[in-house]
Full PDB file with SEQRES, HELIX, SHEET, SSBOND, CRYST1, ORIGX, SCALE, CONECT and MASTER records, all heavy atoms in Angstrom:
SEQRES   1 A   41  MET HIS GLY ASP LEU GLY MET LEU VAL LYS GLY ASP ILE          
SEQRES   2 A   41  ALA ILE LEU ILE SER ASN SER GLY ASN THR GLN GLU VAL          
SEQRES   3 A   41  CYS GLN ASN ILE ALA PRO LEU ARG HIS ASN GLY ILE ILE          
SEQRES   4 A   41  THR VAL                                                      
HELIX    1 AA1 ASP A    4  MET A    7  5                                   4    
HELIX    2 AA2 GLN A   24  CYS A   27  1                                   4    
HELIX    3 AA3 ILE A   30  HIS A   35  1                                   6    
SHEET    1 AA1 2 ILE A  13  ALA A  14  0                                        
SHEET    2 AA1 2 ILE A  39  THR A  40  1                                        
CRYST1    1.000    1.000    1.000  90.00  90.00  90.00 P 1           1          
ORIGX1      1.000000  0.000000  0.000000        0.00000                         
ORIGX2      0.000000  1.000000  0.000000        0.00000                         
ORIGX3      0.000000  0.000000  1.000000        0.00000                         
SCALE1      1.000000  0.000000  0.000000        0.00000                         
SCALE2      0.000000  1.000000  0.000000        0.00000                         
SCALE3      0.000000  0.000000  1.000000        0.00000                         
ATOM      1  N   MET A   1      12.456   2.053  -5.616  1.00  0.00           N  
ATOM      2  CA  MET A   1      12.480   1.595  -7.005  1.00  0.00           C  
ATOM      3  C   MET A   1      13.190   0.221  -7.172  1.00  0.00           C  
ATOM      4  O   MET A   1      13.264  -0.295  -8.278  1.00  0.00           O  
ATOM      5  CB  MET A   1      13.191   2.632  -7.871  1.00  0.00           C  
ATOM      6  CG  MET A   1      12.466   3.968  -7.914  1.00  0.00           C  
ATOM      7  SD  MET A   1      10.855   3.874  -8.713  1.00  0.00           S  
ATOM      8  CE  MET A   1      11.362   3.728 -10.439  1.00  0.00           C  
ATOM      9  N   HIS A   2      13.657  -0.298  -6.065  1.00  0.00           N  
ATOM     10  CA  HIS A   2      14.276  -1.619  -6.083  1.00  0.00           C  
ATOM     11  C   HIS A   2      13.527  -2.612  -5.217  1.00  0.00           C  
ATOM     12  O   HIS A   2      14.134  -3.431  -4.531  1.00  0.00           O  
ATOM     13  CB  HIS A   2      15.773  -1.520  -5.683  1.00  0.00           C  
ATOM     14  CG  HIS A   2      16.607  -0.782  -6.692  1.00  0.00           C  
ATOM     15  ND1 HIS A   2      17.237  -1.425  -7.720  1.00  0.00           N  
ATOM     16  CD2 HIS A   2      16.884   0.533  -6.802  1.00  0.00           C  
ATOM     17  CE1 HIS A   2      17.883  -0.532  -8.460  1.00  0.00           C  
ATOM     18  NE2 HIS A   2      17.683   0.648  -7.934  1.00  0.00           N  
ATOM     19  N   GLY A   3      12.211  -2.483  -5.135  1.00  0.00           N  
ATOM     20  CA  GLY A   3      11.367  -3.421  -4.428  1.00  0.00           C  
ATOM     21  C   GLY A   3      10.608  -2.878  -3.245  1.00  0.00           C  
ATOM     22  O   GLY A   3       9.609  -3.472  -2.850  1.00  0.00           O  
ATOM     23  N   ASP A   4      11.091  -1.803  -2.679  1.00  0.00           N  
ATOM     24  CA  ASP A   4      10.387  -1.280  -1.467  1.00  0.00           C  
ATOM     25  C   ASP A   4       9.068  -0.602  -1.756  1.00  0.00           C  
ATOM     26  O   ASP A   4       8.335  -0.300  -0.828  1.00  0.00           O  
ATOM     27  CB  ASP A   4      11.338  -0.340  -0.666  1.00  0.00           C  
ATOM     28  CG  ASP A   4      12.392  -1.084   0.107  1.00  0.00           C  
ATOM     29  OD1 ASP A   4      12.419  -2.328   0.030  1.00  0.00           O  
ATOM     30  OD2 ASP A   4      13.175  -0.410   0.805  1.00  0.00           O  
ATOM     31  N   LEU A   5       8.731  -0.412  -3.041  1.00  0.00           N  
ATOM     32  CA  LEU A   5       7.396   0.066  -3.372  1.00  0.00           C  
ATOM     33  C   LEU A   5       6.371  -0.937  -2.909  1.00  0.00           C  
ATOM     34  O   LEU A   5       5.183  -0.569  -2.678  1.00  0.00           O  
ATOM     35  CB  LEU A   5       7.249   0.254  -4.913  1.00  0.00           C  
ATOM     36  CG  LEU A   5       7.910   1.518  -5.482  1.00  0.00           C  
ATOM     37  CD1 LEU A   5       7.920   1.468  -6.994  1.00  0.00           C  
ATOM     38  CD2 LEU A   5       7.186   2.779  -4.994  1.00  0.00           C  
ATOM     39  N   GLY A   6       6.796  -2.180  -2.698  1.00  0.00           N  
ATOM     40  CA  GLY A   6       5.905  -3.210  -2.176  1.00  0.00           C  
ATOM     41  C   GLY A   6       5.432  -2.985  -0.767  1.00  0.00           C  
ATOM     42  O   GLY A   6       4.512  -3.619  -0.274  1.00  0.00           O  
ATOM     43  N   MET A   7       6.060  -2.010  -0.071  1.00  0.00           N  
ATOM     44  CA  MET A   7       5.624  -1.672   1.286  1.00  0.00           C  
ATOM     45  C   MET A   7       4.330  -0.837   1.266  1.00  0.00           C  
ATOM     46  O   MET A   7       3.691  -0.675   2.288  1.00  0.00           O  
ATOM     47  CB  MET A   7       6.705  -0.857   2.011  1.00  0.00           C  
ATOM     48  CG  MET A   7       7.960  -1.617   2.290  1.00  0.00           C  
ATOM     49  SD  MET A   7       9.150  -0.588   3.149  1.00  0.00           S  
ATOM     50  CE  MET A   7      10.555  -1.648   3.267  1.00  0.00           C  
ATOM     51  N   LEU A   8       4.012  -0.283   0.104  1.00  0.00           N  
ATOM     52  CA  LEU A   8       2.825   0.562   0.004  1.00  0.00           C  
ATOM     53  C   LEU A   8       1.678  -0.198  -0.665  1.00  0.00           C  
ATOM     54  O   LEU A   8       1.893  -0.931  -1.635  1.00  0.00           O  
ATOM     55  CB  LEU A   8       3.134   1.814  -0.836  1.00  0.00           C  
ATOM     56  CG  LEU A   8       4.093   2.821  -0.222  1.00  0.00           C  
ATOM     57  CD1 LEU A   8       5.532   2.487  -0.520  1.00  0.00           C  
ATOM     58  CD2 LEU A   8       3.751   4.239  -0.703  1.00  0.00           C  
ATOM     59  N   VAL A   9       0.477  -0.015  -0.135  1.00  0.00           N  
ATOM     60  CA  VAL A   9      -0.712  -0.652  -0.698  1.00  0.00           C  
ATOM     61  C   VAL A   9      -1.781   0.392  -0.909  1.00  0.00           C  
ATOM     62  O   VAL A   9      -1.714   1.515  -0.369  1.00  0.00           O  
ATOM     63  CB  VAL A   9      -1.253  -1.739   0.248  1.00  0.00           C  
ATOM     64  CG1 VAL A   9      -0.240  -2.870   0.397  1.00  0.00           C  
ATOM     65  CG2 VAL A   9      -1.642  -1.187   1.595  1.00  0.00           C  
ATOM     66  N   LYS A  10      -2.768   0.071  -1.718  1.00  0.00           N  
ATOM     67  CA  LYS A  10      -3.861   0.980  -1.994  1.00  0.00           C  
ATOM     68  C   LYS A  10      -4.496   1.390  -0.663  1.00  0.00           C  
ATOM     69  O   LYS A  10      -4.731   0.564   0.214  1.00  0.00           O  
ATOM     70  CB  LYS A  10      -4.889   0.313  -2.891  1.00  0.00           C  
ATOM     71  CG  LYS A  10      -5.829   1.291  -3.560  1.00  0.00           C  
ATOM     72  CD  LYS A  10      -6.604   0.644  -4.692  1.00  0.00           C  
ATOM     73  CE  LYS A  10      -7.436   1.691  -5.384  1.00  0.00           C  
ATOM     74  NZ  LYS A  10      -8.187   1.126  -6.536  1.00  0.00           N  
ATOM     75  N   GLY A  11      -4.750   2.665  -0.527  1.00  0.00           N  
ATOM     76  CA  GLY A  11      -5.265   3.233   0.737  1.00  0.00           C  
ATOM     77  C   GLY A  11      -4.188   3.988   1.489  1.00  0.00           C  
ATOM     78  O   GLY A  11      -4.500   4.800   2.369  1.00  0.00           O  
ATOM     79  N   ASP A  12      -2.905   3.757   1.114  1.00  0.00           N  
ATOM     80  CA  ASP A  12      -1.816   4.518   1.691  1.00  0.00           C  
ATOM     81  C   ASP A  12      -1.732   5.879   0.975  1.00  0.00           C  
ATOM     82  O   ASP A  12      -2.230   6.046  -0.143  1.00  0.00           O  
ATOM     83  CB  ASP A  12      -0.480   3.788   1.521  1.00  0.00           C  
ATOM     84  CG  ASP A  12      -0.395   2.537   2.354  1.00  0.00           C  
ATOM     85  OD1 ASP A  12      -1.223   2.368   3.297  1.00  0.00           O  
ATOM     86  OD2 ASP A  12       0.508   1.730   2.075  1.00  0.00           O  
ATOM     87  N   ILE A  13      -1.046   6.819   1.614  1.00  0.00           N  
ATOM     88  CA  ILE A  13      -0.751   8.099   1.017  1.00  0.00           C  
ATOM     89  C   ILE A  13       0.760   8.310   1.069  1.00  0.00           C  
ATOM     90  O   ILE A  13       1.341   8.186   2.175  1.00  0.00           O  
ATOM     91  CB  ILE A  13      -1.487   9.241   1.721  1.00  0.00           C  
ATOM     92  CG1 ILE A  13      -2.992   9.056   1.619  1.00  0.00           C  
ATOM     93  CG2 ILE A  13      -1.063  10.604   1.153  1.00  0.00           C  
ATOM     94  CD1 ILE A  13      -3.792  10.073   2.443  1.00  0.00           C  
ATOM     95  N   ALA A  14       1.384   8.643  -0.028  1.00  0.00           N  
ATOM     96  CA  ALA A  14       2.840   8.872  -0.068  1.00  0.00           C  
ATOM     97  C   ALA A  14       3.096  10.359  -0.112  1.00  0.00           C  
ATOM     98  O   ALA A  14       2.583  11.068  -0.970  1.00  0.00           O  
ATOM     99  CB  ALA A  14       3.433   8.202  -1.295  1.00  0.00           C  
ATOM    100  N   ILE A  15       3.927  10.810   0.828  1.00  0.00           N  
ATOM    101  CA  ILE A  15       4.383  12.228   0.844  1.00  0.00           C  
ATOM    102  C   ILE A  15       5.827  12.249   0.368  1.00  0.00           C  
ATOM    103  O   ILE A  15       6.720  11.706   1.033  1.00  0.00           O  
ATOM    104  CB  ILE A  15       4.258  12.831   2.246  1.00  0.00           C  
ATOM    105  CG1 ILE A  15       2.786  12.824   2.694  1.00  0.00           C  
ATOM    106  CG2 ILE A  15       4.783  14.277   2.249  1.00  0.00           C  
ATOM    107  CD1 ILE A  15       2.551  13.384   4.081  1.00  0.00           C  
ATOM    108  N   LEU A  16       6.066  12.809  -0.779  1.00  0.00           N  
ATOM    109  CA  LEU A  16       7.380  12.842  -1.407  1.00  0.00           C  
ATOM    110  C   LEU A  16       8.026  14.194  -1.116  1.00  0.00           C  
ATOM    111  O   LEU A  16       7.506  15.233  -1.472  1.00  0.00           O  
ATOM    112  CB  LEU A  16       7.302  12.600  -2.928  1.00  0.00           C  
ATOM    113  CG  LEU A  16       6.834  11.205  -3.324  1.00  0.00           C  
ATOM    114  CD1 LEU A  16       5.328  11.105  -3.328  1.00  0.00           C  
ATOM    115  CD2 LEU A  16       7.365  10.810  -4.690  1.00  0.00           C  
ATOM    116  N   ILE A  17       9.194  14.172  -0.469  1.00  0.00           N  
ATOM    117  CA  ILE A  17       9.865  15.383  -0.039  1.00  0.00           C  
ATOM    118  C   ILE A  17      11.101  15.671  -0.914  1.00  0.00           C  
ATOM    119  O   ILE A  17      11.968  14.825  -1.056  1.00  0.00           O  
ATOM    120  CB  ILE A  17      10.297  15.310   1.427  1.00  0.00           C  
ATOM    121  CG1 ILE A  17       9.103  14.950   2.313  1.00  0.00           C  
ATOM    122  CG2 ILE A  17      10.890  16.636   1.886  1.00  0.00           C  
ATOM    123  CD1 ILE A  17       9.422  14.812   3.800  1.00  0.00           C  
ATOM    124  N   SER A  18      11.106  16.865  -1.507  1.00  0.00           N  
ATOM    125  CA  SER A  18      12.247  17.358  -2.233  1.00  0.00           C  
ATOM    126  C   SER A  18      12.151  18.874  -2.258  1.00  0.00           C  
ATOM    127  O   SER A  18      11.119  19.429  -2.661  1.00  0.00           O  
ATOM    128  CB  SER A  18      12.239  16.837  -3.671  1.00  0.00           C  
ATOM    129  OG  SER A  18      13.088  17.594  -4.540  1.00  0.00           O  
ATOM    130  N   ASN A  19      13.193  19.532  -1.790  1.00  0.00           N  
ATOM    131  CA  ASN A  19      13.135  21.011  -1.741  1.00  0.00           C  
ATOM    132  C   ASN A  19      12.942  21.608  -3.130  1.00  0.00           C  
ATOM    133  O   ASN A  19      12.046  22.432  -3.349  1.00  0.00           O  
ATOM    134  CB  ASN A  19      14.429  21.578  -1.100  1.00  0.00           C  
ATOM    135  CG  ASN A  19      14.358  23.076  -0.993  1.00  0.00           C  
ATOM    136  OD1 ASN A  19      13.377  23.652  -0.549  1.00  0.00           O  
ATOM    137  ND2 ASN A  19      15.423  23.739  -1.405  1.00  0.00           N  
ATOM    138  N   SER A  20      13.698  21.148  -4.105  1.00  0.00           N  
ATOM    139  CA  SER A  20      13.561  21.697  -5.471  1.00  0.00           C  
ATOM    140  C   SER A  20      12.303  21.174  -6.147  1.00  0.00           C  
ATOM    141  O   SER A  20      11.716  21.823  -6.997  1.00  0.00           O  
ATOM    142  CB  SER A  20      14.773  21.284  -6.310  1.00  0.00           C  
ATOM    143  OG  SER A  20      14.761  19.876  -6.577  1.00  0.00           O  
ATOM    144  N   GLY A  21      11.923  19.976  -5.731  1.00  0.00           N  
ATOM    145  CA  GLY A  21      10.767  19.308  -6.391  1.00  0.00           C  
ATOM    146  C   GLY A  21      11.165  18.641  -7.693  1.00  0.00           C  
ATOM    147  O   GLY A  21      10.294  18.089  -8.406  1.00  0.00           O  
ATOM    148  N   ASN A  22      12.443  18.597  -7.974  1.00  0.00           N  
ATOM    149  CA  ASN A  22      12.912  18.002  -9.240  1.00  0.00           C  
ATOM    150  C   ASN A  22      13.968  16.919  -9.005  1.00  0.00           C  
ATOM    151  O   ASN A  22      14.621  16.482  -9.957  1.00  0.00           O  
ATOM    152  CB  ASN A  22      13.500  19.095 -10.170  1.00  0.00           C  
ATOM    153  CG  ASN A  22      12.418  20.036 -10.650  1.00  0.00           C  
ATOM    154  OD1 ASN A  22      11.359  19.627 -11.124  1.00  0.00           O  
ATOM    155  ND2 ASN A  22      12.666  21.340 -10.479  1.00  0.00           N  
ATOM    156  N   THR A  23      14.143  16.509  -7.772  1.00  0.00           N  
ATOM    157  CA  THR A  23      15.156  15.484  -7.475  1.00  0.00           C  
ATOM    158  C   THR A  23      14.741  14.171  -8.163  1.00  0.00           C  
ATOM    159  O   THR A  23      13.686  13.592  -7.904  1.00  0.00           O  
ATOM    160  CB  THR A  23      15.221  15.237  -5.953  1.00  0.00           C  
ATOM    161  OG1 THR A  23      15.457  16.505  -5.315  1.00  0.00           O  
ATOM    162  CG2 THR A  23      16.327  14.252  -5.619  1.00  0.00           C  
ATOM    163  N   GLN A  24      15.610  13.705  -9.079  1.00  0.00           N  
ATOM    164  CA  GLN A  24      15.273  12.579  -9.928  1.00  0.00           C  
ATOM    165  C   GLN A  24      14.923  11.349  -9.136  1.00  0.00           C  
ATOM    166  O   GLN A  24      13.970  10.610  -9.454  1.00  0.00           O  
ATOM    167  CB  GLN A  24      16.457  12.319 -10.916  1.00  0.00           C  
ATOM    168  CG  GLN A  24      16.128  11.339 -12.015  1.00  0.00           C  
ATOM    169  CD  GLN A  24      16.469   9.882 -11.649  1.00  0.00           C  
ATOM    170  OE1 GLN A  24      17.294   9.641 -10.801  1.00  0.00           O  
ATOM    171  NE2 GLN A  24      15.782   8.958 -12.279  1.00  0.00           N  
ATOM    172  N   GLU A  25      15.712  11.086  -8.069  1.00  0.00           N  
ATOM    173  CA  GLU A  25      15.479   9.832  -7.288  1.00  0.00           C  
ATOM    174  C   GLU A  25      14.122   9.862  -6.554  1.00  0.00           C  
ATOM    175  O   GLU A  25      13.595   8.828  -6.220  1.00  0.00           O  
ATOM    176  CB  GLU A  25      16.576   9.637  -6.268  1.00  0.00           C  
ATOM    177  CG  GLU A  25      17.959   9.437  -6.854  1.00  0.00           C  
ATOM    178  CD  GLU A  25      18.753  10.703  -6.993  1.00  0.00           C  
ATOM    179  OE1 GLU A  25      18.163  11.804  -7.085  1.00  0.00           O  
ATOM    180  OE2 GLU A  25      20.021  10.613  -7.051  1.00  0.00           O  
ATOM    181  N   VAL A  26      13.594  11.044  -6.353  1.00  0.00           N  
ATOM    182  CA  VAL A  26      12.286  11.166  -5.725  1.00  0.00           C  
ATOM    183  C   VAL A  26      11.177  11.172  -6.764  1.00  0.00           C  
ATOM    184  O   VAL A  26      10.203  10.400  -6.670  1.00  0.00           O  
ATOM    185  CB  VAL A  26      12.208  12.473  -4.877  1.00  0.00           C  
ATOM    186  CG1 VAL A  26      10.796  12.650  -4.278  1.00  0.00           C  
ATOM    187  CG2 VAL A  26      13.250  12.481  -3.765  1.00  0.00           C  
ATOM    188  N   CYS A  27      11.352  11.962  -7.809  1.00  0.00           N  
ATOM    189  CA  CYS A  27      10.314  12.082  -8.867  1.00  0.00           C  
ATOM    190  C   CYS A  27      10.065  10.772  -9.600  1.00  0.00           C  
ATOM    191  O   CYS A  27       8.957  10.536 -10.065  1.00  0.00           O  
ATOM    192  CB  CYS A  27      10.702  13.188  -9.817  1.00  0.00           C  
ATOM    193  SG  CYS A  27      10.657  14.858  -9.110  1.00  0.00           S  
ATOM    194  N   GLN A  28      11.089   9.925  -9.712  1.00  0.00           N  
ATOM    195  CA  GLN A  28      10.894   8.667 -10.447  1.00  0.00           C  
ATOM    196  C   GLN A  28       9.868   7.766  -9.818  1.00  0.00           C  
ATOM    197  O   GLN A  28       9.378   6.829 -10.452  1.00  0.00           O  
ATOM    198  CB  GLN A  28      12.234   7.954 -10.568  1.00  0.00           C  
ATOM    199  CG  GLN A  28      12.802   7.430  -9.263  1.00  0.00           C  
ATOM    200  CD  GLN A  28      14.123   6.774  -9.383  1.00  0.00           C  
ATOM    201  OE1 GLN A  28      14.636   6.522 -10.489  1.00  0.00           O  
ATOM    202  NE2 GLN A  28      14.780   6.504  -8.258  1.00  0.00           N  
ATOM    203  N   ASN A  29       9.528   8.015  -8.532  1.00  0.00           N  
ATOM    204  CA  ASN A  29       8.577   7.188  -7.831  1.00  0.00           C  
ATOM    205  C   ASN A  29       7.137   7.526  -8.140  1.00  0.00           C  
ATOM    206  O   ASN A  29       6.230   6.714  -7.923  1.00  0.00           O  
ATOM    207  CB  ASN A  29       8.778   7.297  -6.322  1.00  0.00           C  
ATOM    208  CG  ASN A  29      10.061   6.606  -5.854  1.00  0.00           C  
ATOM    209  OD1 ASN A  29      10.081   5.408  -5.670  1.00  0.00           O  
ATOM    210  ND2 ASN A  29      11.088   7.406  -5.674  1.00  0.00           N  
ATOM    211  N   ILE A  30       6.895   8.733  -8.706  1.00  0.00           N  
ATOM    212  CA  ILE A  30       5.511   9.193  -8.849  1.00  0.00           C  
ATOM    213  C   ILE A  30       4.682   8.252  -9.721  1.00  0.00           C  
ATOM    214  O   ILE A  30       3.592   7.811  -9.350  1.00  0.00           O  
ATOM    215  CB  ILE A  30       5.465  10.646  -9.385  1.00  0.00           C  
ATOM    216  CG1 ILE A  30       6.220  11.579  -8.512  1.00  0.00           C  
ATOM    217  CG2 ILE A  30       4.010  11.099  -9.547  1.00  0.00           C  
ATOM    218  CD1 ILE A  30       6.471  12.969  -9.115  1.00  0.00           C  
ATOM    219  N   ALA A  31       5.199   7.973 -10.916  1.00  0.00           N  
ATOM    220  CA  ALA A  31       4.438   7.136 -11.854  1.00  0.00           C  
ATOM    221  C   ALA A  31       4.126   5.760 -11.332  1.00  0.00           C  
ATOM    222  O   ALA A  31       2.961   5.334 -11.353  1.00  0.00           O  
ATOM    223  CB  ALA A  31       5.185   7.042 -13.200  1.00  0.00           C  
ATOM    224  N   PRO A  32       5.116   5.017 -10.773  1.00  0.00           N  
ATOM    225  CA  PRO A  32       4.759   3.696 -10.237  1.00  0.00           C  
ATOM    226  C   PRO A  32       3.815   3.749  -9.028  1.00  0.00           C  
ATOM    227  O   PRO A  32       2.972   2.900  -8.850  1.00  0.00           O  
ATOM    228  CB  PRO A  32       6.098   3.075  -9.871  1.00  0.00           C  
ATOM    229  CG  PRO A  32       7.121   4.157  -9.916  1.00  0.00           C  
ATOM    230  CD  PRO A  32       6.578   5.205 -10.815  1.00  0.00           C  
ATOM    231  N   LEU A  33       3.965   4.775  -8.188  1.00  0.00           N  
ATOM    232  CA  LEU A  33       3.069   4.939  -7.070  1.00  0.00           C  
ATOM    233  C   LEU A  33       1.645   5.097  -7.555  1.00  0.00           C  
ATOM    234  O   LEU A  33       0.690   4.449  -7.078  1.00  0.00           O  
ATOM    235  CB  LEU A  33       3.484   6.104  -6.192  1.00  0.00           C  
ATOM    236  CG  LEU A  33       4.697   5.929  -5.288  1.00  0.00           C  
ATOM    237  CD1 LEU A  33       5.165   7.272  -4.735  1.00  0.00           C  
ATOM    238  CD2 LEU A  33       4.385   4.964  -4.146  1.00  0.00           C  
ATOM    239  N   ARG A  34       1.444   6.008  -8.486  1.00  0.00           N  
ATOM    240  CA  ARG A  34       0.117   6.283  -8.975  1.00  0.00           C  
ATOM    241  C   ARG A  34      -0.442   5.073  -9.738  1.00  0.00           C  
ATOM    242  O   ARG A  34      -1.622   4.767  -9.648  1.00  0.00           O  
ATOM    243  CB  ARG A  34       0.119   7.533  -9.871  1.00  0.00           C  
ATOM    244  CG  ARG A  34       0.475   8.798  -9.063  1.00  0.00           C  
ATOM    245  CD  ARG A  34       0.333  10.046  -9.853  1.00  0.00           C  
ATOM    246  NE  ARG A  34      -1.079  10.345 -10.061  1.00  0.00           N  
ATOM    247  CZ  ARG A  34      -1.507  11.362 -10.802  1.00  0.00           C  
ATOM    248  NH1 ARG A  34      -0.655  12.167 -11.420  1.00  0.00           N  
ATOM    249  NH2 ARG A  34      -2.818  11.582 -10.949  1.00  0.00           N  
ATOM    250  N   HIS A  35       0.425   4.372 -10.452  1.00  0.00           N  
ATOM    251  CA  HIS A  35      -0.014   3.132 -11.141  1.00  0.00           C  
ATOM    252  C   HIS A  35      -0.506   2.080 -10.138  1.00  0.00           C  
ATOM    253  O   HIS A  35      -1.445   1.342 -10.418  1.00  0.00           O  
ATOM    254  CB  HIS A  35       1.177   2.553 -11.934  1.00  0.00           C  
ATOM    255  CG  HIS A  35       0.856   1.244 -12.586  1.00  0.00           C  
ATOM    256  ND1 HIS A  35       0.097   1.128 -13.746  1.00  0.00           N  
ATOM    257  CD2 HIS A  35       1.211  -0.035 -12.234  1.00  0.00           C  
ATOM    258  CE1 HIS A  35      -0.005  -0.155 -14.069  1.00  0.00           C  
ATOM    259  NE2 HIS A  35       0.660  -0.869 -13.174  1.00  0.00           N  
ATOM    260  N   ASN A  36       0.090   2.082  -8.927  1.00  0.00           N  
ATOM    261  CA  ASN A  36      -0.310   1.150  -7.895  1.00  0.00           C  
ATOM    262  C   ASN A  36      -1.461   1.651  -7.057  1.00  0.00           C  
ATOM    263  O   ASN A  36      -1.819   1.035  -6.038  1.00  0.00           O  
ATOM    264  CB  ASN A  36       0.862   0.794  -7.027  1.00  0.00           C  
ATOM    265  CG  ASN A  36       1.938   0.006  -7.763  1.00  0.00           C  
ATOM    266  OD1 ASN A  36       1.685  -0.623  -8.782  1.00  0.00           O  
ATOM    267  ND2 ASN A  36       3.176   0.067  -7.279  1.00  0.00           N  
ATOM    268  N   GLY A  37      -2.068   2.784  -7.436  1.00  0.00           N  
ATOM    269  CA  GLY A  37      -3.226   3.298  -6.733  1.00  0.00           C  
ATOM    270  C   GLY A  37      -2.923   4.078  -5.480  1.00  0.00           C  
ATOM    271  O   GLY A  37      -3.819   4.247  -4.602  1.00  0.00           O  
ATOM    272  N   ILE A  38      -1.676   4.557  -5.339  1.00  0.00           N  
ATOM    273  CA  ILE A  38      -1.282   5.329  -4.166  1.00  0.00           C  
ATOM    274  C   ILE A  38      -1.483   6.819  -4.420  1.00  0.00           C  
ATOM    275  O   ILE A  38      -0.997   7.339  -5.417  1.00  0.00           O  
ATOM    276  CB  ILE A  38       0.187   5.048  -3.800  1.00  0.00           C  
ATOM    277  CG1 ILE A  38       0.518   3.544  -3.753  1.00  0.00           C  
ATOM    278  CG2 ILE A  38       0.577   5.728  -2.483  1.00  0.00           C  
ATOM    279  CD1 ILE A  38      -0.253   2.757  -2.767  1.00  0.00           C  
ATOM    280  N   ILE A  39      -2.137   7.487  -3.503  1.00  0.00           N  
ATOM    281  CA  ILE A  39      -2.259   8.965  -3.574  1.00  0.00           C  
ATOM    282  C   ILE A  39      -0.922   9.590  -3.272  1.00  0.00           C  
ATOM    283  O   ILE A  39      -0.240   9.164  -2.308  1.00  0.00           O  
ATOM    284  CB  ILE A  39      -3.330   9.471  -2.606  1.00  0.00           C  
ATOM    285  CG1 ILE A  39      -4.725   8.938  -3.052  1.00  0.00           C  
ATOM    286  CG2 ILE A  39      -3.321  10.983  -2.524  1.00  0.00           C  
ATOM    287  CD1 ILE A  39      -5.811   9.198  -2.015  1.00  0.00           C  
ATOM    288  N   THR A  40      -0.519  10.561  -4.061  1.00  0.00           N  
ATOM    289  CA  THR A  40       0.797  11.201  -3.861  1.00  0.00           C  
ATOM    290  C   THR A  40       0.640  12.657  -3.457  1.00  0.00           C  
ATOM    291  O   THR A  40      -0.197  13.393  -3.985  1.00  0.00           O  
ATOM    292  CB  THR A  40       1.654  11.119  -5.143  1.00  0.00           C  
ATOM    293  OG1 THR A  40       0.913  11.687  -6.225  1.00  0.00           O  
ATOM    294  CG2 THR A  40       1.997   9.661  -5.459  1.00  0.00           C  
ATOM    295  N   VAL A  41       1.516  13.082  -2.518  1.00  0.00           N  
ATOM    296  CA  VAL A  41       1.521  14.478  -2.069  1.00  0.00           C  
ATOM    297  C   VAL A  41       2.967  14.981  -2.149  1.00  0.00           C  
ATOM    298  O   VAL A  41       3.901  14.367  -1.650  1.00  0.00           O  
ATOM    299  CB  VAL A  41       1.076  14.583  -0.580  1.00  0.00           C  
ATOM    300  CG1 VAL A  41       1.139  16.031  -0.089  1.00  0.00           C  
ATOM    301  CG2 VAL A  41      -0.337  14.008  -0.402  1.00  0.00           C  
TER     302      VAL A  41                                                      
MASTER        0    0    0    3    2    0    0    6  301    1    0    4          
END                                                                             
């Protein structure tokens, strides 16, 4: 969320890991990833 989203480009797939599935620092990435055309898992 501080610039490293630039490492991902369209065609990449992001696997977001959180045991609870509600970790704020992980979940906050979903919207910008999808906005940038990244498939999220």
